[in-house]
Amino acid sequence: MQYGTFLWKQECKGISIMKIAVCDDSIEDLLTIEKLLLKYKTMYPGRGFEVEKFSDPSMLYQKISEGKLADIYILDMLMPERTGIELGNQIRRAGGEKVIIYITSSDDFALDAYGVRAVRYLLKPVSEGKLFEALDYALFFTEVKKEPLYLV
């Protein structure tokens, strides 16, 4: 069964809406992450973002290959056909400095995650506090990268 909602980055009255892509082959985990993201968005209404969900990592891989990049990626590590590390490498090849957060059931790949410059590596079941802290960091990092940089 394929699960997905396709919402890409939009401009709303001049305000840029960030896009978060979530990929997990477990529908239950995907829905849990979505629920937490919606709670975060309700708690912090000024932090605008839209979510696209993928239960099939190959579909996300295809979007990335087409250059349709999100600002933030929340990825499972262990999935059929493609791993989270493969997706992370594809993100880096396609557009570089997007934020990657791994949420997975295994701590075996933590060092590999840092090889693709992931900002967080969270273990399932993920706590609300840890995910919210990761989102705070990711949204801040993404906004800072959009602002002009002045060397003095």
N, C-alpha and C. Protein backbone atom coordinates (compact mmCIF):
# COMPACT_ATOMS: atom_id res chain seq x y z
N MET A 1 0.84 -1.18 0.00
CA MET A 1 0.00 0.00 0.00
C MET A 1 0.88 1.24 0.00
N GLN A 2 0.59 2.15 -0.87
CA GLN A 2 1.36 3.38 -0.99
C GLN A 2 0.64 4.50 -0.24
N TYR A 3 1.37 5.27 0.54
CA TYR A 3 0.79 6.35 1.30
C TYR A 3 1.55 7.62 0.99
N GLY A 4 0.87 8.66 0.60
CA GLY A 4 1.57 9.90 0.33
C GLY A 4 0.62 11.07 0.18
N THR A 5 1.10 12.23 0.55
CA THR A 5 0.40 13.49 0.35
C THR A 5 1.40 14.41 -0.32
N PHE A 6 1.04 14.97 -1.45
CA PHE A 6 2.02 15.73 -2.20
C PHE A 6 1.78 17.22 -2.05
N LEU A 7 2.55 17.84 -1.18
CA LEU A 7 2.48 19.27 -0.93
C LEU A 7 3.89 19.82 -1.03
N TRP A 8 4.18 20.58 -2.04
CA TRP A 8 5.52 21.14 -2.20
C TRP A 8 5.56 22.56 -1.71
N LYS A 9 6.75 23.09 -1.55
CA LYS A 9 6.99 24.41 -1.02
C LYS A 9 6.21 25.46 -1.82
N GLN A 10 5.53 26.33 -1.11
CA GLN A 10 4.70 27.35 -1.74
C GLN A 10 5.05 28.71 -1.17
N GLU A 11 4.59 29.73 -1.85
CA GLU A 11 4.68 31.09 -1.34
C GLU A 11 3.28 31.53 -0.95
N CYS A 12 3.08 31.94 0.28
CA CYS A 12 1.78 32.41 0.74
C CYS A 12 1.93 33.84 1.21
N LYS A 13 1.39 34.78 0.43
CA LYS A 13 1.47 36.20 0.77
C LYS A 13 2.91 36.61 1.07
N GLY A 14 3.83 36.13 0.26
CA GLY A 14 5.23 36.50 0.40
C GLY A 14 5.98 35.74 1.48
N ILE A 15 5.30 34.87 2.21
CA ILE A 15 5.95 34.10 3.26
C ILE A 15 6.28 32.71 2.72
N SER A 16 7.50 32.33 2.83
CA SER A 16 7.92 31.02 2.35
C SER A 16 7.49 29.93 3.33
N ILE A 17 6.81 28.92 2.82
CA ILE A 17 6.39 27.78 3.63
C ILE A 17 7.41 26.67 3.42
N MET A 18 7.97 26.19 4.50
CA MET A 18 8.96 25.12 4.39
C MET A 18 8.27 23.79 4.14
N LYS A 19 8.99 22.93 3.46
CA LYS A 19 8.48 21.60 3.16
C LYS A 19 9.28 20.58 3.95
N ILE A 20 8.56 19.68 4.62
CA ILE A 20 9.18 18.58 5.34
C ILE A 20 8.75 17.29 4.66
N ALA A 21 9.70 16.46 4.27
CA ALA A 21 9.41 15.15 3.70
C ALA A 21 9.72 14.09 4.76
N VAL A 22 8.76 13.20 4.99
CA VAL A 22 8.92 12.13 5.96
C VAL A 22 8.85 10.81 5.21
N CYS A 23 9.82 9.94 5.45
CA CYS A 23 9.83 8.64 4.78
C CYS A 23 10.05 7.53 5.81
N ASP A 24 9.06 6.64 5.90
CA ASP A 24 9.15 5.48 6.79
C ASP A 24 8.27 4.39 6.19
N ASP A 25 8.80 3.19 6.08
CA ASP A 25 8.02 2.10 5.49
C ASP A 25 6.93 1.59 6.42
N SER A 26 6.97 1.95 7.68
CA SER A 26 5.94 1.57 8.64
C SER A 26 4.84 2.65 8.64
N ILE A 27 3.65 2.28 8.19
CA ILE A 27 2.53 3.23 8.17
C ILE A 27 2.25 3.74 9.58
N GLU A 28 2.32 2.86 10.56
CA GLU A 28 2.07 3.26 11.94
C GLU A 28 3.07 4.33 12.39
N ASP A 29 4.35 4.12 12.12
CA ASP A 29 5.36 5.11 12.50
C ASP A 29 5.20 6.40 11.70
N LEU A 30 4.85 6.27 10.44
CA LEU A 30 4.63 7.45 9.58
C LEU A 30 3.50 8.31 10.15
N LEU A 31 2.42 7.67 10.55
CA LEU A 31 1.28 8.40 11.11
C LEU A 31 1.61 9.00 12.48
N THR A 32 2.42 8.30 13.27
CA THR A 32 2.85 8.84 14.56
C THR A 32 3.68 10.10 14.37
N ILE A 33 4.61 10.06 13.42
CA ILE A 33 5.44 11.23 13.14
C ILE A 33 4.57 12.37 12.63
N GLU A 34 3.62 12.06 11.75
CA GLU A 34 2.72 13.10 11.24
C GLU A 34 1.93 13.74 12.38
N LYS A 35 1.44 12.92 13.30
CA LYS A 35 0.67 13.44 14.43
C LYS A 35 1.53 14.38 15.28
N LEU A 36 2.78 13.99 15.51
CA LEU A 36 3.69 14.85 16.28
C LEU A 36 3.99 16.15 15.53
N LEU A 37 4.15 16.07 14.22
CA LEU A 37 4.39 17.28 13.42
C LEU A 37 3.18 18.22 13.49
N LEU A 38 1.99 17.66 13.43
CA LEU A 38 0.78 18.49 13.52
C LEU A 38 0.66 19.13 14.91
N LYS A 39 1.02 18.39 15.94
CA LYS A 39 1.00 18.96 17.30
C LYS A 39 2.02 20.09 17.41
N TYR A 40 3.20 19.89 16.86
CA TYR A 40 4.23 20.93 16.86
C TYR A 40 3.73 22.18 16.15
N LYS A 41 3.11 21.98 15.00
CA LYS A 41 2.59 23.10 14.20
C LYS A 41 1.50 23.85 14.96
N THR A 42 0.67 23.13 15.71
CA THR A 42 -0.38 23.75 16.51
C THR A 42 0.22 24.55 17.66
N MET A 43 1.24 24.01 18.29
CA MET A 43 1.90 24.68 19.42
C MET A 43 2.67 25.92 18.98
N TYR A 44 3.19 25.90 17.75
CA TYR A 44 4.00 27.00 17.23
C TYR A 44 3.46 27.43 15.86
N PRO A 45 2.31 28.12 15.84
CA PRO A 45 1.67 28.44 14.55
C PRO A 45 2.49 29.35 13.64
N GLY A 46 3.46 30.06 14.18
CA GLY A 46 4.29 30.92 13.35
C GLY A 46 5.34 30.19 12.55
N ARG A 47 5.51 28.92 12.82
CA ARG A 47 6.51 28.11 12.12
C ARG A 47 5.82 27.32 11.02
N GLY A 48 5.66 27.96 9.89
CA GLY A 48 4.90 27.35 8.81
C GLY A 48 5.67 26.28 8.06
N PHE A 49 5.02 25.14 7.88
CA PHE A 49 5.59 24.08 7.06
C PHE A 49 4.47 23.18 6.57
N GLU A 50 4.77 22.49 5.50
CA GLU A 50 3.87 21.48 4.96
C GLU A 50 4.61 20.16 4.96
N VAL A 51 3.85 19.08 5.03
CA VAL A 51 4.45 17.75 5.17
C VAL A 51 4.05 16.88 3.99
N GLU A 52 5.03 16.18 3.46
CA GLU A 52 4.79 15.14 2.45
C GLU A 52 5.28 13.83 3.03
N LYS A 53 4.44 12.80 2.95
CA LYS A 53 4.77 11.52 3.56
C LYS A 53 4.98 10.46 2.49
N PHE A 54 5.99 9.61 2.74
CA PHE A 54 6.30 8.51 1.83
C PHE A 54 6.44 7.22 2.62
N SER A 55 5.72 6.19 2.20
CA SER A 55 5.92 4.87 2.79
C SER A 55 6.83 4.03 1.90
N ASP A 56 7.09 4.51 0.70
CA ASP A 56 7.95 3.83 -0.27
C ASP A 56 9.19 4.70 -0.52
N PRO A 57 10.36 4.27 -0.04
CA PRO A 57 11.55 5.11 -0.21
C PRO A 57 11.91 5.33 -1.68
N SER A 58 11.53 4.43 -2.56
CA SER A 58 11.83 4.62 -3.99
C SER A 58 11.09 5.81 -4.57
N MET A 59 9.89 6.08 -4.06
CA MET A 59 9.14 7.25 -4.54
C MET A 59 9.82 8.55 -4.11
N LEU A 60 10.31 8.58 -2.88
CA LEU A 60 11.05 9.76 -2.43
C LEU A 60 12.34 9.90 -3.22
N TYR A 61 13.03 8.80 -3.45
CA TYR A 61 14.27 8.82 -4.24
C TYR A 61 14.01 9.42 -5.62
N GLN A 62 12.88 9.04 -6.24
CA GLN A 62 12.52 9.57 -7.55
C GLN A 62 12.29 11.08 -7.50
N LYS A 63 11.58 11.56 -6.47
CA LYS A 63 11.34 13.01 -6.32
C LYS A 63 12.67 13.76 -6.19
N ILE A 64 13.56 13.22 -5.39
CA ILE A 64 14.86 13.86 -5.20
C ILE A 64 15.62 13.87 -6.52
N SER A 65 15.58 12.77 -7.26
CA SER A 65 16.27 12.67 -8.55
C SER A 65 15.73 13.68 -9.55
N GLU A 66 14.45 14.02 -9.43
CA GLU A 66 13.83 15.02 -10.31
C GLU A 66 14.13 16.44 -9.86
N GLY A 67 14.85 16.60 -8.75
CA GLY A 67 15.19 17.93 -8.25
C GLY A 67 14.09 18.57 -7.43
N LYS A 68 13.08 17.81 -7.06
CA LYS A 68 11.98 18.32 -6.23
C LYS A 68 12.35 18.07 -4.77
N LEU A 69 13.08 19.03 -4.22
CA LEU A 69 13.66 18.86 -2.89
C LEU A 69 12.83 19.53 -1.81
N ALA A 70 12.79 18.90 -0.66
CA ALA A 70 12.19 19.48 0.53
C ALA A 70 13.27 20.28 1.25
N ASP A 71 12.87 21.01 2.27
CA ASP A 71 13.84 21.74 3.10
C ASP A 71 14.39 20.85 4.21
N ILE A 72 13.51 19.98 4.73
CA ILE A 72 13.85 19.12 5.85
C ILE A 72 13.39 17.71 5.53
N TYR A 73 14.24 16.73 5.84
CA TYR A 73 13.90 15.32 5.63
C TYR A 73 13.93 14.59 6.97
N ILE A 74 12.87 13.85 7.25
CA ILE A 74 12.82 12.97 8.42
C ILE A 74 12.74 11.56 7.85
N LEU A 75 13.81 10.78 8.07
CA LEU A 75 13.95 9.50 7.39
C LEU A 75 14.13 8.35 8.36
N ASP A 76 13.48 7.24 8.05
CA ASP A 76 13.77 5.98 8.73
C ASP A 76 15.09 5.47 8.14
N MET A 77 15.77 4.64 8.88
CA MET A 77 17.04 4.11 8.38
C MET A 77 16.86 2.78 7.65
N LEU A 78 16.07 1.87 8.24
CA LEU A 78 15.94 0.52 7.71
C LEU A 78 14.63 0.38 6.94
N MET A 79 14.74 0.39 5.62
CA MET A 79 13.57 0.26 4.75
C MET A 79 13.91 -0.66 3.59
N PRO A 80 12.91 -1.29 2.99
CA PRO A 80 13.19 -2.16 1.84
C PRO A 80 13.63 -1.32 0.63
N GLU A 81 14.44 -1.88 -0.19
CA GLU A 81 14.94 -1.29 -1.44
C GLU A 81 15.97 -0.19 -1.24
N ARG A 82 15.71 0.77 -0.37
CA ARG A 82 16.65 1.87 -0.14
C ARG A 82 16.76 2.14 1.36
N THR A 83 17.96 2.39 1.81
CA THR A 83 18.15 2.73 3.22
C THR A 83 18.09 4.24 3.39
N GLY A 84 17.98 4.65 4.62
CA GLY A 84 18.02 6.08 4.92
C GLY A 84 19.34 6.72 4.51
N ILE A 85 20.42 5.97 4.61
CA ILE A 85 21.73 6.49 4.20
C ILE A 85 21.76 6.71 2.69
N GLU A 86 21.21 5.77 1.92
CA GLU A 86 21.14 5.96 0.46
C GLU A 86 20.33 7.22 0.11
N LEU A 87 19.21 7.40 0.81
CA LEU A 87 18.41 8.61 0.56
C LEU A 87 19.19 9.86 0.95
N GLY A 88 19.88 9.80 2.09
CA GLY A 88 20.69 10.94 2.52
C GLY A 88 21.77 11.29 1.51
N ASN A 89 22.44 10.28 0.97
CA ASN A 89 23.46 10.53 -0.06
C ASN A 89 22.85 11.14 -1.31
N GLN A 90 21.66 10.67 -1.70
CA GLN A 90 20.98 11.22 -2.87
C GLN A 90 20.60 12.69 -2.63
N ILE A 91 20.14 13.01 -1.43
CA ILE A 91 19.80 14.39 -1.08
C ILE A 91 21.04 15.27 -1.22
N ARG A 92 22.16 14.80 -0.71
CA ARG A 92 23.39 15.60 -0.79
C ARG A 92 23.85 15.79 -2.23
N ARG A 93 23.74 14.75 -3.06
CA ARG A 93 24.13 14.88 -4.46
C ARG A 93 23.20 15.84 -5.22
N ALA A 94 21.93 15.85 -4.85
CA ALA A 94 20.93 16.63 -5.59
C ALA A 94 20.89 18.10 -5.20
N GLY A 95 21.17 18.41 -3.95
CA GLY A 95 20.99 19.80 -3.58
C GLY A 95 21.70 20.22 -2.33
N GLY A 96 22.53 19.38 -1.84
CA GLY A 96 23.41 19.79 -0.78
C GLY A 96 22.85 19.95 0.61
N GLU A 97 22.67 21.17 1.04
CA GLU A 97 22.53 21.49 2.46
C GLU A 97 21.12 21.45 3.01
N LYS A 98 20.37 20.45 2.67
CA LYS A 98 19.05 20.26 3.26
C LYS A 98 19.24 19.59 4.62
N VAL A 99 18.29 19.77 5.51
CA VAL A 99 18.39 19.21 6.84
C VAL A 99 17.88 17.77 6.82
N ILE A 100 18.65 16.85 7.43
CA ILE A 100 18.26 15.45 7.52
C ILE A 100 18.21 15.05 8.99
N ILE A 101 17.07 14.48 9.38
CA ILE A 101 16.87 13.93 10.72
C ILE A 101 16.53 12.45 10.53
N TYR A 102 17.25 11.58 11.21
CA TYR A 102 16.93 10.15 11.16
C TYR A 102 16.14 9.76 12.40
N ILE A 103 15.07 9.00 12.18
CA ILE A 103 14.31 8.40 13.27
C ILE A 103 14.25 6.91 12.95
N THR A 104 14.87 6.10 13.79
CA THR A 104 15.00 4.69 13.45
C THR A 104 15.00 3.81 14.70
N SER A 105 14.85 2.53 14.49
CA SER A 105 14.81 1.58 15.60
C SER A 105 16.20 1.03 15.95
N SER A 106 17.21 1.37 15.19
CA SER A 106 18.55 0.82 15.40
C SER A 106 19.58 1.93 15.57
N ASP A 107 20.45 1.75 16.53
CA ASP A 107 21.54 2.73 16.69
C ASP A 107 22.79 2.31 15.92
N ASP A 108 22.69 1.25 15.13
CA ASP A 108 23.84 0.72 14.40
C ASP A 108 24.39 1.65 13.31
N PHE A 109 23.60 2.60 12.87
CA PHE A 109 24.00 3.43 11.72
C PHE A 109 24.25 4.88 12.09
N ALA A 110 24.40 5.16 13.37
CA ALA A 110 24.57 6.55 13.81
C ALA A 110 25.81 7.19 13.17
N LEU A 111 26.92 6.49 13.12
CA LEU A 111 28.12 7.08 12.52
C LEU A 111 27.93 7.29 11.02
N ASP A 112 27.25 6.37 10.35
CA ASP A 112 26.96 6.54 8.93
C ASP A 112 26.10 7.78 8.70
N ALA A 113 25.17 8.04 9.62
CA ALA A 113 24.28 9.20 9.50
C ALA A 113 25.08 10.50 9.52
N TYR A 114 26.09 10.55 10.33
CA TYR A 114 26.91 11.76 10.37
C TYR A 114 27.76 11.92 9.11
N GLY A 115 27.97 10.81 8.41
CA GLY A 115 28.67 10.88 7.12
C GLY A 115 27.88 11.63 6.06
N VAL A 116 26.55 11.68 6.22
CA VAL A 116 25.72 12.47 5.29
C VAL A 116 25.27 13.78 5.96
N ARG A 117 25.94 14.11 7.07
CA ARG A 117 25.71 15.36 7.79
C ARG A 117 24.28 15.49 8.32
N ALA A 118 23.76 14.40 8.89
CA ALA A 118 22.45 14.46 9.55
C ALA A 118 22.57 15.33 10.80
N VAL A 119 21.53 16.09 11.10
CA VAL A 119 21.58 16.96 12.28
C VAL A 119 21.13 16.25 13.55
N ARG A 120 20.34 15.18 13.40
CA ARG A 120 19.90 14.40 14.56
C ARG A 120 19.71 12.94 14.16
N TYR A 121 19.89 12.06 15.15
CA TYR A 121 19.68 10.62 14.98
C TYR A 121 18.87 10.18 16.19
N LEU A 122 17.58 9.99 16.01
CA LEU A 122 16.68 9.70 17.11
C LEU A 122 16.21 8.25 17.04
N LEU A 123 16.10 7.62 18.20
CA LEU A 123 15.66 6.23 18.25
C LEU A 123 14.16 6.13 18.52
N LYS A 124 13.53 5.15 17.85
CA LYS A 124 12.10 4.88 18.05
C LYS A 124 11.92 4.09 19.34
N PRO A 125 10.83 4.29 20.03
CA PRO A 125 9.81 5.28 19.74
C PRO A 125 10.33 6.67 20.12
N VAL A 126 10.19 7.59 19.20
CA VAL A 126 10.73 8.93 19.41
C VAL A 126 9.85 9.69 20.40
N SER A 127 10.50 10.40 21.30
CA SER A 127 9.74 11.21 22.26
C SER A 127 9.38 12.54 21.62
N GLU A 128 8.27 13.08 22.07
CA GLU A 128 7.83 14.38 21.59
C GLU A 128 8.91 15.44 21.82
N GLY A 129 9.50 15.44 23.00
CA GLY A 129 10.51 16.44 23.33
C GLY A 129 11.72 16.39 22.41
N LYS A 130 12.20 15.19 22.13
CA LYS A 130 13.38 15.07 21.25
C LYS A 130 13.05 15.47 19.82
N LEU A 131 11.86 15.07 19.33
CA LEU A 131 11.49 15.46 17.97
C LEU A 131 11.29 16.97 17.89
N PHE A 132 10.65 17.55 18.89
CA PHE A 132 10.40 19.00 18.87
C PHE A 132 11.72 19.77 18.92
N GLU A 133 12.69 19.30 19.70
CA GLU A 133 14.00 19.95 19.74
C GLU A 133 14.67 19.85 18.38
N ALA A 134 14.57 18.68 17.74
CA ALA A 134 15.16 18.50 16.42
C ALA A 134 14.49 19.42 15.40
N LEU A 135 13.19 19.58 15.49
CA LEU A 135 12.47 20.48 14.58
C LEU A 135 12.85 21.93 14.82
N ASP A 136 12.97 22.33 16.09
CA ASP A 136 13.42 23.69 16.41
C ASP A 136 14.75 23.97 15.72
N TYR A 137 15.68 23.04 15.89
CA TYR A 137 17.00 23.20 15.29
C TYR A 137 16.92 23.24 13.77
N ALA A 138 16.16 22.30 13.19
CA ALA A 138 16.06 22.21 11.73
C ALA A 138 15.43 23.45 11.13
N LEU A 139 14.36 23.94 11.73
CA LEU A 139 13.70 25.14 11.20
C LEU A 139 14.58 26.37 11.35
N PHE A 140 15.28 26.49 12.48
CA PHE A 140 16.21 27.59 12.67
C PHE A 140 17.35 27.52 11.65
N PHE A 141 17.94 26.35 11.48
CA PHE A 141 19.04 26.16 10.54
C PHE A 141 18.60 26.51 9.12
N THR A 142 17.40 26.08 8.75
CA THR A 142 16.89 26.34 7.40
C THR A 142 16.67 27.82 7.18
N GLU A 143 16.13 28.52 8.16
CA GLU A 143 15.90 29.96 8.04
C GLU A 143 17.23 30.72 7.97
N VAL A 144 18.19 30.34 8.79
CA VAL A 144 19.50 31.01 8.78
C VAL A 144 20.16 30.88 7.41
N LYS A 145 20.04 29.72 6.78
CA LYS A 145 20.66 29.50 5.47
C LYS A 145 20.02 30.37 4.40
N LYS A 146 18.77 30.83 4.59
CA LYS A 146 18.09 31.65 3.59
C LYS A 146 18.47 33.12 3.71
N GLU A 147 18.93 33.51 4.89
CA GLU A 147 19.27 34.90 5.10
C GLU A 147 20.61 35.22 4.45
N PRO A 148 20.78 36.47 4.01
CA PRO A 148 22.06 36.83 3.39
C PRO A 148 23.21 36.77 4.41
N LEU A 149 24.35 36.41 3.91
CA LEU A 149 25.54 36.30 4.75
C LEU A 149 26.48 37.45 4.41
N TYR A 150 26.89 38.19 5.43
CA TYR A 150 27.79 39.31 5.25
C TYR A 150 29.10 39.03 5.97
N LEU A 151 30.19 39.09 5.24
CA LEU A 151 31.51 38.92 5.86
C LEU A 151 32.04 40.28 6.26
N VAL A 152 32.52 40.37 7.48
CA VAL A 152 33.02 41.65 7.97
C VAL A 152 34.50 41.51 8.26
